[in-house]
Amino acid sequence: MGPQEAQGEPVVRSWQRRCAAAPDAPEAAADAVFGWLREVDERFSPFKADSEVSRLDRGELDPHELTPDLVEVLDLCEVCRIATHGVFQVRLPGSGLDPCAMVKGWSVQRAADLLAARGPANFCLNAGGHVVSAGGPWRVGVRHPEQADRLCTVLEITDGAVATSARYERGDHLVDGRTGRPATGLLSMTVVAPTLTGADAAATAAFAMGTEGVEWAAAREGCEVFAVDTEHRACRSPGLPVAA
């Protein structure tokens, strides 16, 4: 058995067991979701010295030793890097490996898949403002980028995901990988997509692009967008599912 099988197979079997389990009581399904998200934090956080990401960054792991989950995340990051011509990066000059921009949406989408397999058919999962819904319609408010008690618009989602990138919670934390400088041009970027993996990656990359990111995100397959620029102008794609 090779190194990848030795490390990766238990993780794969663990995930398969989670999703294949019989439907749970709501409390048990919620426990499984939170257990998965805690596991993601332990395995993928660049801020934990013993995480798989940190060990890879220090050169303690060879590529063939990585778990399938991390390989999948890094592959998704590379696809996004190519699609954005370098705007989306997991390693900026002077900083270590940090795939968090992909991990959040990917892991919460996995959590939603786990909930769907073991819990109710109708749910709305909100993780730090990123939303995955099933069996709606569900109404999802898009926060005003400068006034926390106001909404810019309200979306109606049945089966899909909504992700917003902005600076109102964490300041200038999103950087254009081409320049290494904080993103400019937009106050917020919201993307609606079939999965949160796609919605979050597109919203993050588009925000980092600035105003050019609006058309880029809207052109992505299955994506609809709502954006507010630094001149306080709002724009949206024609198919944005605005609630009546």
C-alpha atoms as a PDB file:
ATOM      1  CA  MET A   1       0.000   0.000   0.000  1.00  0.00           C
ATOM      2  CA  GLY A   2       1.464   3.363  -1.044  1.00  0.00           C
ATOM      3  CA  PRO A   3       1.729   6.445   1.196  1.00  0.00           C
ATOM      4  CA  GLN A   4      -1.314   8.162  -0.340  1.00  0.00           C
ATOM      5  CA  GLU A   5      -3.470   5.120   0.274  1.00  0.00           C
ATOM      6  CA  ALA A   6      -2.165   4.755   3.806  1.00  0.00           C
ATOM      7  CA  GLN A   7      -3.065   8.341   4.733  1.00  0.00           C
ATOM      8  CA  GLY A   8      -5.952   9.066   2.411  1.00  0.00           C
ATOM      9  CA  GLU A   9      -8.044   5.914   2.545  1.00  0.00           C
ATOM     10  CA  PRO A  10      -9.206   6.270   6.170  1.00  0.00           C
ATOM     11  CA  VAL A  11     -10.321   9.850   5.433  1.00  0.00           C
ATOM     12  CA  VAL A  12     -12.264   8.728   2.366  1.00  0.00           C
ATOM     13  CA  ARG A  13     -13.897   5.843   4.229  1.00  0.00           C
ATOM     14  CA  SER A  14     -14.765   8.175   7.104  1.00  0.00           C
ATOM     15  CA  TRP A  15     -16.490  10.605   4.731  1.00  0.00           C
ATOM     16  CA  GLN A  16     -18.333   7.800   2.942  1.00  0.00           C
ATOM     17  CA  ARG A  17     -19.583   6.431   6.262  1.00  0.00           C
ATOM     18  CA  ARG A  18     -20.863   9.850   7.246  1.00  0.00           C
ATOM     19  CA  CYS A  19     -22.842  10.296   4.039  1.00  0.00           C
ATOM     20  CA  ALA A  20     -24.090   6.705   3.852  1.00  0.00           C
ATOM     21  CA  ALA A  21     -25.444   6.617   7.383  1.00  0.00           C
ATOM     22  CA  ALA A  22     -29.175   6.305   7.970  1.00  0.00           C
ATOM     23  CA  PRO A  23     -31.123   9.536   8.470  1.00  0.00           C
ATOM     24  CA  ASP A  24     -30.534  10.986  11.926  1.00  0.00           C
ATOM     25  CA  ALA A  25     -32.518  13.041  14.374  1.00  0.00           C
ATOM     26  CA  PRO A  26     -31.893  16.726  13.688  1.00  0.00           C
ATOM     27  CA  GLU A  27     -29.533  17.002  16.664  1.00  0.00           C
ATOM     28  CA  ALA A  28     -27.385  14.086  15.470  1.00  0.00           C
ATOM     29  CA  ALA A  29     -27.251  15.455  11.923  1.00  0.00           C
ATOM     30  CA  ALA A  30     -26.159  18.842  13.276  1.00  0.00           C
ATOM     31  CA  ASP A  31     -23.492  17.158  15.411  1.00  0.00           C
ATOM     32  CA  ALA A  32     -22.122  15.410  12.315  1.00  0.00           C
ATOM     33  CA  VAL A  33     -21.944  18.708  10.430  1.00  0.00           C
ATOM     34  CA  PHE A  34     -20.150  20.531  13.230  1.00  0.00           C
ATOM     35  CA  GLY A  35     -17.827  17.560  13.694  1.00  0.00           C
ATOM     36  CA  TRP A  36     -16.846  17.779  10.032  1.00  0.00           C
ATOM     37  CA  LEU A  37     -16.230  21.529  10.218  1.00  0.00           C
ATOM     38  CA  ARG A  38     -14.037  21.110  13.304  1.00  0.00           C
ATOM     39  CA  GLU A  39     -12.093  18.421  11.440  1.00  0.00           C
ATOM     40  CA  VAL A  40     -11.592  20.790   8.501  1.00  0.00           C
ATOM     41  CA  ASP A  41     -10.185  23.452  10.813  1.00  0.00           C
ATOM     42  CA  GLU A  42      -7.709  20.994  12.308  1.00  0.00           C
ATOM     43  CA  ARG A  43      -6.585  19.655   8.931  1.00  0.00           C
ATOM     44  CA  PHE A  44      -6.559  22.738   6.699  1.00  0.00           C
ATOM     45  CA  SER A  45      -5.839  25.752   8.891  1.00  0.00           C
ATOM     46  CA  PRO A  46      -2.539  27.482   8.002  1.00  0.00           C
ATOM     47  CA  PHE A  47      -2.560  28.873  11.540  1.00  0.00           C
ATOM     48  CA  LYS A  48      -2.247  25.464  13.223  1.00  0.00           C
ATOM     49  CA  ALA A  49       1.301  24.145  13.223  1.00  0.00           C
ATOM     50  CA  ASP A  50       0.270  20.475  13.019  1.00  0.00           C
ATOM     51  CA  SER A  51      -2.317  20.832  10.228  1.00  0.00           C
ATOM     52  CA  GLU A  52      -1.765  19.075   6.926  1.00  0.00           C
ATOM     53  CA  VAL A  53      -1.501  22.444   5.171  1.00  0.00           C
ATOM     54  CA  SER A  54       1.192  23.686   7.565  1.00  0.00           C
ATOM     55  CA  ARG A  55       3.134  20.442   7.300  1.00  0.00           C
ATOM     56  CA  LEU A  56       3.035  20.635   3.501  1.00  0.00           C
ATOM     57  CA  ASP A  57       4.149  24.261   3.612  1.00  0.00           C
ATOM     58  CA  ARG A  58       7.150  23.321   5.731  1.00  0.00           C
ATOM     59  CA  GLY A  59       8.111  20.580   3.289  1.00  0.00           C
ATOM     60  CA  GLU A  60       7.316  17.751   5.699  1.00  0.00           C
ATOM     61  CA  LEU A  61       4.950  16.062   3.254  1.00  0.00           C
ATOM     62  CA  ASP A  62       5.616  14.942  -0.302  1.00  0.00           C
ATOM     63  CA  PRO A  63       2.831  15.341  -2.897  1.00  0.00           C
ATOM     64  CA  HIS A  64       2.138  11.587  -2.882  1.00  0.00           C
ATOM     65  CA  GLU A  65       1.544  11.713   0.892  1.00  0.00           C
ATOM     66  CA  LEU A  66      -1.322  14.208   0.765  1.00  0.00           C
ATOM     67  CA  THR A  67      -4.870  13.195   1.603  1.00  0.00           C
ATOM     68  CA  PRO A  68      -7.337  13.169  -1.306  1.00  0.00           C
ATOM     69  CA  ASP A  69      -9.210  16.079   0.274  1.00  0.00           C
ATOM     70  CA  LEU A  70      -6.184  18.383   0.222  1.00  0.00           C
ATOM     71  CA  VAL A  71      -5.310  17.269  -3.303  1.00  0.00           C
ATOM     72  CA  GLU A  72      -8.859  18.186  -4.370  1.00  0.00           C
ATOM     73  CA  VAL A  73      -8.657  21.604  -2.700  1.00  0.00           C
ATOM     74  CA  LEU A  74      -5.281  22.413  -4.246  1.00  0.00           C
ATOM     75  CA  ASP A  75      -6.523  21.290  -7.663  1.00  0.00           C
ATOM     76  CA  LEU A  76      -9.545  23.587  -7.325  1.00  0.00           C
ATOM     77  CA  CYS A  77      -7.215  26.438  -6.354  1.00  0.00           C
ATOM     78  CA  GLU A  78      -5.081  25.846  -9.432  1.00  0.00           C
ATOM     79  CA  VAL A  79      -8.143  25.840 -11.695  1.00  0.00           C
ATOM     80  CA  CYS A  80      -9.203  29.166 -10.178  1.00  0.00           C
ATOM     81  CA  ARG A  81      -5.693  30.619 -10.498  1.00  0.00           C
ATOM     82  CA  ILE A  82      -5.675  29.833 -14.211  1.00  0.00           C
ATOM     83  CA  ALA A  83      -9.227  31.109 -14.731  1.00  0.00           C
ATOM     84  CA  THR A  84      -8.376  34.436 -13.067  1.00  0.00           C
ATOM     85  CA  HIS A  85      -4.967  34.851 -14.728  1.00  0.00           C
ATOM     86  CA  GLY A  86      -3.277  34.861 -11.340  1.00  0.00           C
ATOM     87  CA  VAL A  87      -5.671  36.998  -9.308  1.00  0.00           C
ATOM     88  CA  PHE A  88      -6.563  33.986  -7.131  1.00  0.00           C
ATOM     89  CA  GLN A  89      -3.446  32.666  -5.401  1.00  0.00           C
ATOM     90  CA  VAL A  90      -2.808  30.301  -2.493  1.00  0.00           C
ATOM     91  CA  ARG A  91       0.721  31.572  -1.948  1.00  0.00           C
ATOM     92  CA  LEU A  92       1.577  35.266  -2.107  1.00  0.00           C
ATOM     93  CA  PRO A  93       5.121  36.682  -1.946  1.00  0.00           C
ATOM     94  CA  GLY A  94       6.318  36.721   1.639  1.00  0.00           C
ATOM     95  CA  SER A  95       3.532  34.465   2.932  1.00  0.00           C
ATOM     96  CA  GLY A  96       3.019  30.749   3.330  1.00  0.00           C
ATOM     97  CA  LEU A  97       0.555  28.344   1.770  1.00  0.00           C
ATOM     98  CA  ASP A  98      -2.993  29.500   2.515  1.00  0.00           C
ATOM     99  CA  PRO A  99      -5.888  27.792   0.685  1.00  0.00           C
ATOM    100  CA  CYS A 100      -8.536  29.248   3.038  1.00  0.00           C
ATOM    101  CA  ALA A 101     -10.201  31.179   0.214  1.00  0.00           C
ATOM    102  CA  MET A 102     -11.156  27.834  -1.320  1.00  0.00           C
ATOM    103  CA  VAL A 103     -11.492  25.732   1.829  1.00  0.00           C
ATOM    104  CA  LYS A 104     -14.366  27.703   3.348  1.00  0.00           C
ATOM    105  CA  GLY A 105     -16.828  27.290   0.483  1.00  0.00           C
ATOM    106  CA  TRP A 106     -15.661  23.739  -0.262  1.00  0.00           C
ATOM    107  CA  SER A 107     -15.986  22.568   3.343  1.00  0.00           C
ATOM    108  CA  VAL A 108     -19.384  24.162   3.935  1.00  0.00           C
ATOM    109  CA  GLN A 109     -20.682  22.639   0.699  1.00  0.00           C
ATOM    110  CA  ARG A 110     -19.440  19.275   1.992  1.00  0.00           C
ATOM    111  CA  ALA A 111     -21.261  19.988   5.255  1.00  0.00           C
ATOM    112  CA  ALA A 112     -24.457  20.669   3.311  1.00  0.00           C
ATOM    113  CA  ASP A 113     -24.032  17.412   1.387  1.00  0.00           C
ATOM    114  CA  LEU A 114     -23.588  15.614   4.700  1.00  0.00           C
ATOM    115  CA  LEU A 115     -26.698  17.259   6.127  1.00  0.00           C
ATOM    116  CA  ALA A 116     -28.720  16.331   3.042  1.00  0.00           C
ATOM    117  CA  ALA A 117     -27.592  12.707   3.327  1.00  0.00           C
ATOM    118  CA  ARG A 118     -28.357  12.359   7.028  1.00  0.00           C
ATOM    119  CA  GLY A 119     -30.879  14.994   7.873  1.00  0.00           C
ATOM    120  CA  PRO A 120     -33.872  16.933   6.548  1.00  0.00           C
ATOM    121  CA  ALA A 121     -34.632  17.502   2.873  1.00  0.00           C
ATOM    122  CA  ASN A 122     -35.306  21.191   3.530  1.00  0.00           C
ATOM    123  CA  PHE A 123     -32.585  23.277   5.147  1.00  0.00           C
ATOM    124  CA  CYS A 124     -30.657  26.510   4.984  1.00  0.00           C
ATOM    125  CA  LEU A 125     -27.077  26.328   6.230  1.00  0.00           C
ATOM    126  CA  ASN A 126     -25.454  29.677   7.048  1.00  0.00           C
ATOM    127  CA  ALA A 127     -21.712  29.748   7.715  1.00  0.00           C
ATOM    128  CA  GLY A 128     -20.398  33.231   8.345  1.00  0.00           C
ATOM    129  CA  GLY A 129     -22.790  34.764   5.819  1.00  0.00           C
ATOM    130  CA  HIS A 130     -22.222  32.083   3.180  1.00  0.00           C
ATOM    131  CA  VAL A 131     -25.423  30.147   2.563  1.00  0.00           C
ATOM    132  CA  VAL A 132     -26.303  26.752   1.114  1.00  0.00           C
ATOM    133  CA  SER A 133     -29.985  25.888   0.808  1.00  0.00           C
ATOM    134  CA  ALA A 134     -32.098  22.923  -0.221  1.00  0.00           C
ATOM    135  CA  GLY A 135     -35.821  22.396  -0.656  1.00  0.00           C
ATOM    136  CA  GLY A 136     -36.722  26.092  -0.525  1.00  0.00           C
ATOM    137  CA  PRO A 137     -37.670  28.651  -1.443  1.00  0.00           C
ATOM    138  CA  TRP A 138     -35.496  30.393   1.144  1.00  0.00           C
ATOM    139  CA  ARG A 139     -34.987  34.130   1.393  1.00  0.00           C
ATOM    140  CA  VAL A 140     -31.400  35.320   1.776  1.00  0.00           C
ATOM    141  CA  GLY A 141     -30.628  38.941   2.554  1.00  0.00           C
ATOM    142  CA  VAL A 142     -27.538  40.625   1.083  1.00  0.00           C
ATOM    143  CA  ARG A 143     -26.078  42.984   3.677  1.00  0.00           C
ATOM    144  CA  HIS A 144     -25.406  46.610   2.880  1.00  0.00           C
ATOM    145  CA  PRO A 145     -21.587  46.894   2.684  1.00  0.00           C
ATOM    146  CA  GLU A 146     -21.459  49.987   4.909  1.00  0.00           C
ATOM    147  CA  GLN A 147     -24.573  49.777   7.087  1.00  0.00           C
ATOM    148  CA  ALA A 148     -24.892  46.562   9.061  1.00  0.00           C
ATOM    149  CA  ASP A 149     -28.586  47.072   9.828  1.00  0.00           C
ATOM    150  CA  ARG A 150     -29.632  47.442   6.180  1.00  0.00           C
ATOM    151  CA  LEU A 151     -29.980  45.094   3.195  1.00  0.00           C
ATOM    152  CA  CYS A 152     -29.156  45.865  -0.417  1.00  0.00           C
ATOM    153  CA  THR A 153     -31.425  43.177  -1.799  1.00  0.00           C
ATOM    154  CA  VAL A 154     -33.161  39.929  -0.856  1.00  0.00           C
ATOM    155  CA  LEU A 155     -32.650  36.773  -2.892  1.00  0.00           C
ATOM    156  CA  GLU A 156     -34.920  33.759  -3.203  1.00  0.00           C
ATOM    157  CA  ILE A 157     -33.016  30.465  -3.356  1.00  0.00           C
ATOM    158  CA  THR A 158     -34.399  26.952  -3.632  1.00  0.00           C
ATOM    159  CA  ASP A 159     -31.440  24.631  -4.194  1.00  0.00           C
ATOM    160  CA  GLY A 160     -28.201  26.548  -4.425  1.00  0.00           C
ATOM    161  CA  ALA A 161     -25.668  28.738  -2.674  1.00  0.00           C
ATOM    162  CA  VAL A 162     -24.913  32.402  -2.004  1.00  0.00           C
ATOM    163  CA  ALA A 163     -21.503  33.842  -1.120  1.00  0.00           C
ATOM    164  CA  THR A 164     -20.508  37.440  -0.478  1.00  0.00           C
ATOM    165  CA  SER A 165     -16.993  38.872  -0.405  1.00  0.00           C
ATOM    166  CA  ALA A 166     -16.472  42.291   1.171  1.00  0.00           C
ATOM    167  CA  ARG A 167     -14.195  44.162   3.539  1.00  0.00           C
ATOM    168  CA  TYR A 168     -16.777  45.086   6.201  1.00  0.00           C
ATOM    169  CA  GLU A 169     -15.944  42.181   8.546  1.00  0.00           C
ATOM    170  CA  ARG A 170     -12.182  41.684   8.125  1.00  0.00           C
ATOM    171  CA  GLY A 171     -10.944  44.831   6.424  1.00  0.00           C
ATOM    172  CA  ASP A 172      -8.576  44.588   3.448  1.00  0.00           C
ATOM    173  CA  HIS A 173      -8.007  40.832   3.736  1.00  0.00           C
ATOM    174  CA  LEU A 174      -8.519  40.043   0.037  1.00  0.00           C
ATOM    175  CA  VAL A 175      -5.485  40.598  -2.157  1.00  0.00           C
ATOM    176  CA  ASP A 176      -5.023  40.696  -5.927  1.00  0.00           C
ATOM    177  CA  GLY A 177      -2.501  37.913  -6.542  1.00  0.00           C
ATOM    178  CA  ARG A 178      -1.139  39.763  -9.575  1.00  0.00           C
ATOM    179  CA  THR A 179       0.004  42.739  -7.513  1.00  0.00           C
ATOM    180  CA  GLY A 180       0.041  41.561  -3.914  1.00  0.00           C
ATOM    181  CA  ARG A 181      -2.043  44.599  -2.994  1.00  0.00           C
ATOM    182  CA  PRO A 182      -5.484  44.780  -1.335  1.00  0.00           C
ATOM    183  CA  ALA A 183      -8.438  44.634  -3.695  1.00  0.00           C
ATOM    184  CA  THR A 184      -9.945  47.934  -4.831  1.00  0.00           C
ATOM    185  CA  GLY A 185     -12.976  49.011  -6.839  1.00  0.00           C
ATOM    186  CA  LEU A 186     -15.748  47.101  -5.067  1.00  0.00           C
ATOM    187  CA  LEU A 187     -17.435  47.343  -1.688  1.00  0.00           C
ATOM    188  CA  SER A 188     -19.074  43.939  -1.980  1.00  0.00           C
ATOM    189  CA  MET A 189     -19.553  41.104  -4.429  1.00  0.00           C
ATOM    190  CA  THR A 190     -22.298  38.496  -4.088  1.00  0.00           C
ATOM    191  CA  VAL A 191     -22.448  35.377  -6.249  1.00  0.00           C
ATOM    192  CA  VAL A 192     -25.298  32.876  -6.536  1.00  0.00           C
ATOM    193  CA  ALA A 193     -24.265  29.466  -7.881  1.00  0.00           C
ATOM    194  CA  PRO A 194     -25.320  25.804  -7.732  1.00  0.00           C
ATOM    195  CA  THR A 195     -22.668  25.032  -5.078  1.00  0.00           C
ATOM    196  CA  LEU A 196     -20.959  27.063  -2.396  1.00  0.00           C
ATOM    197  CA  THR A 197     -17.591  25.822  -3.638  1.00  0.00           C
ATOM    198  CA  GLY A 198     -18.196  27.682  -6.893  1.00  0.00           C
ATOM    199  CA  ALA A 199     -20.013  30.660  -5.394  1.00  0.00           C
ATOM    200  CA  ASP A 200     -17.357  31.406  -2.773  1.00  0.00           C
ATOM    201  CA  ALA A 201     -14.399  31.011  -5.135  1.00  0.00           C
ATOM    202  CA  ALA A 202     -16.062  33.223  -7.756  1.00  0.00           C
ATOM    203  CA  ALA A 203     -17.035  35.906  -5.216  1.00  0.00           C
ATOM    204  CA  THR A 204     -13.522  35.976  -3.730  1.00  0.00           C
ATOM    205  CA  ALA A 205     -11.784  36.160  -7.101  1.00  0.00           C
ATOM    206  CA  ALA A 206     -14.201  38.719  -8.525  1.00  0.00           C
ATOM    207  CA  PHE A 207     -13.846  40.995  -5.506  1.00  0.00           C
ATOM    208  CA  ALA A 208     -10.065  40.828  -5.802  1.00  0.00           C
ATOM    209  CA  MET A 209     -10.318  41.770  -9.496  1.00  0.00           C
ATOM    210  CA  GLY A 210     -12.232  44.940  -8.722  1.00  0.00           C
ATOM    211  CA  THR A 211     -14.836  46.262 -11.126  1.00  0.00           C
ATOM    212  CA  GLU A 212     -13.659  43.951 -13.921  1.00  0.00           C
ATOM    213  CA  GLY A 213     -14.640  41.052 -11.688  1.00  0.00           C
ATOM    214  CA  VAL A 214     -18.347  41.776 -12.078  1.00  0.00           C
ATOM    215  CA  GLU A 215     -18.458  40.707 -15.725  1.00  0.00           C
ATOM    216  CA  TRP A 216     -15.971  37.897 -15.074  1.00  0.00           C
ATOM    217  CA  ALA A 217     -18.147  36.340 -12.362  1.00  0.00           C
ATOM    218  CA  ALA A 218     -21.370  36.848 -14.326  1.00  0.00           C
ATOM    219  CA  ALA A 219     -19.834  34.954 -17.237  1.00  0.00           C
ATOM    220  CA  ARG A 220     -19.057  31.908 -15.081  1.00  0.00           C
ATOM    221  CA  GLU A 221     -21.343  28.964 -15.786  1.00  0.00           C
ATOM    222  CA  GLY A 222     -24.339  28.913 -13.440  1.00  0.00           C
ATOM    223  CA  CYS A 223     -23.374  32.165 -11.684  1.00  0.00           C
ATOM    224  CA  GLU A 224     -25.495  35.243 -11.067  1.00  0.00           C
ATOM    225  CA  VAL A 225     -24.047  38.331  -9.387  1.00  0.00           C
ATOM    226  CA  PHE A 226     -24.906  41.400  -7.343  1.00  0.00           C
ATOM    227  CA  ALA A 227     -22.150  43.954  -6.711  1.00  0.00           C
ATOM    228  CA  VAL A 228     -21.705  47.384  -5.139  1.00  0.00           C
ATOM    229  CA  ASP A 229     -18.712  49.440  -6.273  1.00  0.00           C
ATOM    230  CA  THR A 230     -16.806  52.133  -4.380  1.00  0.00           C
ATOM    231  CA  GLU A 231     -18.952  54.797  -6.050  1.00  0.00           C
ATOM    232  CA  HIS A 232     -21.960  53.158  -4.345  1.00  0.00           C
ATOM    233  CA  ARG A 233     -23.398  51.953  -7.626  1.00  0.00           C
ATOM    234  CA  ALA A 234     -25.166  48.591  -7.544  1.00  0.00           C
ATOM    235  CA  CYS A 235     -25.326  46.231 -10.485  1.00  0.00           C
ATOM    236  CA  ARG A 236     -26.764  42.776 -10.982  1.00  0.00           C
ATOM    237  CA  SER A 237     -26.888  40.124 -13.649  1.00  0.00           C
ATOM    238  CA  PRO A 238     -30.230  39.599 -15.441  1.00  0.00           C
ATOM    239  CA  GLY A 239     -30.870  36.180 -13.905  1.00  0.00           C
ATOM    240  CA  LEU A 240     -30.279  37.159 -10.274  1.00  0.00           C
ATOM    241  CA  PRO A 241     -33.082  35.484  -8.264  1.00  0.00           C
ATOM    242  CA  VAL A 242     -34.418  38.565  -6.488  1.00  0.00           C
ATOM    243  CA  ALA A 243     -37.327  37.846  -4.151  1.00  0.00           C
ATOM    244  CA  ALA A 244     -40.669  39.277  -5.158  1.00  0.00           C
END
